[in-house]
């Protein structure tokens, strides 16, 4: 079993209903598996990763975006470089970790 690493998280912007948070991690990091109760958007700025979502692996690279549906388990593995991604989500989002 691979070691799970929490990403560094920084709030970039907060509005009345939405929040944008930047996640950072290093090559080889496996981020925690989780799901959320609402839809959100993941945008990749730097590095490449594999998004494991609903049993499928989706390779993502800089300038890729992915809509993450509600109530779907997902996890990120950083593949190349230092990873930076922005997660756009409603402020009332609730996460469940596994």
Protein backbone atom coordinates (compact mmCIF):
# COMPACT_ATOMS: atom_id res chain seq x y z
CA UNK A 1 0.00 0.00 0.00
CA UNK A 2 1.38 3.40 -0.99
CA UNK A 3 1.85 6.15 1.54
CA UNK A 4 -0.82 8.86 1.29
CA UNK A 5 0.38 12.47 1.51
CA UNK A 6 -1.79 15.50 2.23
CA UNK A 7 -1.28 18.29 -0.33
CA UNK A 8 -0.35 21.83 0.66
CA UNK A 9 -3.56 23.84 0.29
CA UNK A 10 -3.86 27.61 -0.10
CA UNK A 11 -7.08 29.59 -0.56
CA UNK A 12 -6.74 31.82 -3.64
CA UNK A 13 -10.15 33.51 -3.73
CA UNK A 14 -13.46 33.36 -1.90
CA UNK A 15 -16.76 34.71 -3.17
CA UNK A 16 -20.28 34.68 -1.87
CA UNK A 17 -20.88 31.09 -3.04
CA UNK A 18 -17.57 29.81 -4.47
CA UNK A 19 -14.00 29.23 -3.32
CA UNK A 20 -10.81 28.55 -5.31
CA UNK A 21 -8.08 26.58 -3.55
CA UNK A 22 -4.62 25.73 -4.85
CA UNK A 23 -3.22 22.28 -4.12
CA UNK A 24 0.51 21.56 -4.28
CA UNK A 25 2.34 18.23 -4.10
CA UNK A 26 5.58 16.63 -5.27
CA UNK A 27 6.37 13.93 -7.81
CA UNK A 28 5.29 10.52 -6.51
CA UNK A 29 2.83 11.88 -3.93
CA UNK A 30 -0.47 10.04 -3.59
CA UNK A 31 -3.15 12.39 -2.30
CA UNK A 32 -6.01 11.22 -0.05
CA UNK A 33 -8.92 9.40 -1.67
CA UNK A 34 -12.18 11.24 -1.10
CA UNK A 35 -15.54 12.29 -2.50
CA UNK A 36 -17.66 15.41 -2.17
CA UNK A 37 -21.37 16.03 -2.03
CA UNK A 38 -21.38 18.56 -4.92
CA UNK A 39 -19.75 18.99 -8.33
CA UNK A 40 -16.41 20.80 -8.58
CA UNK A 41 -13.74 21.67 -11.15
CA UNK A 42 -10.05 20.74 -11.05
CA UNK A 43 -7.62 22.77 -13.21
CA UNK A 44 -3.97 21.71 -13.58
CA UNK A 45 -1.33 24.47 -13.61
CA UNK A 46 1.98 22.60 -13.23
CA UNK A 47 3.17 19.02 -13.31
CA UNK A 48 1.22 16.02 -14.47
CA UNK A 49 -0.96 13.66 -12.50
CA UNK A 50 -3.26 10.70 -12.77
CA UNK A 51 -6.78 11.27 -11.51
CA UNK A 52 -8.27 7.94 -10.43
CA UNK A 53 -12.00 8.48 -10.55
CA UNK A 54 -14.80 5.97 -10.45
CA UNK A 55 -12.34 3.12 -11.13
CA UNK A 56 -10.70 4.76 -14.18
CA UNK A 57 -7.33 6.51 -14.55
CA UNK A 58 -7.41 9.90 -16.28
CA UNK A 59 -4.01 11.43 -17.12
CA UNK A 60 -3.98 15.22 -16.64
CA UNK A 61 -1.32 17.76 -17.64
CA UNK A 62 -0.96 21.55 -17.44
CA UNK A 63 -3.98 23.44 -18.80
CA UNK A 64 -6.27 20.41 -18.46
CA UNK A 65 -9.51 20.78 -16.53
CA UNK A 66 -11.80 18.07 -15.21
CA UNK A 67 -15.33 18.25 -13.85
CA UNK A 68 -15.57 16.08 -10.74
CA UNK A 69 -19.14 14.85 -10.25
CA UNK A 70 -20.73 14.69 -6.81
CA UNK A 71 -20.50 11.52 -4.73
CA UNK A 72 -17.74 9.91 -6.83
CA UNK A 73 -14.58 8.63 -5.13
CA UNK A 74 -11.39 10.06 -6.59
CA UNK A 75 -7.68 10.33 -5.87
CA UNK A 76 -4.67 12.08 -7.44
CA UNK A 77 -1.18 10.66 -7.96
CA UNK A 78 1.49 13.17 -8.99
CA UNK A 79 3.43 11.74 -11.94
CA UNK A 80 5.87 14.43 -13.12
CA UNK A 81 7.28 17.64 -11.68
CA UNK A 82 5.95 19.66 -8.82
CA UNK A 83 2.17 19.62 -9.01
CA UNK A 84 -0.05 22.67 -8.74
CA UNK A 85 -3.76 22.48 -9.37
CA UNK A 86 -6.69 24.74 -8.56
CA UNK A 87 -9.92 23.31 -7.23
CA UNK A 88 -13.02 25.48 -7.84
CA UNK A 89 -15.95 24.53 -5.61
CA UNK A 90 -19.00 25.78 -3.73
CA UNK A 91 -18.19 27.05 -0.25
CA UNK A 92 -20.67 24.62 1.33
CA UNK A 93 -18.91 21.54 -0.12
CA UNK A 94 -18.61 18.57 2.26
CA UNK A 95 -15.84 15.98 1.84
CA UNK A 96 -15.71 12.36 2.92
CA UNK A 97 -12.23 10.74 3.12
CA UNK A 98 -11.39 7.03 2.80
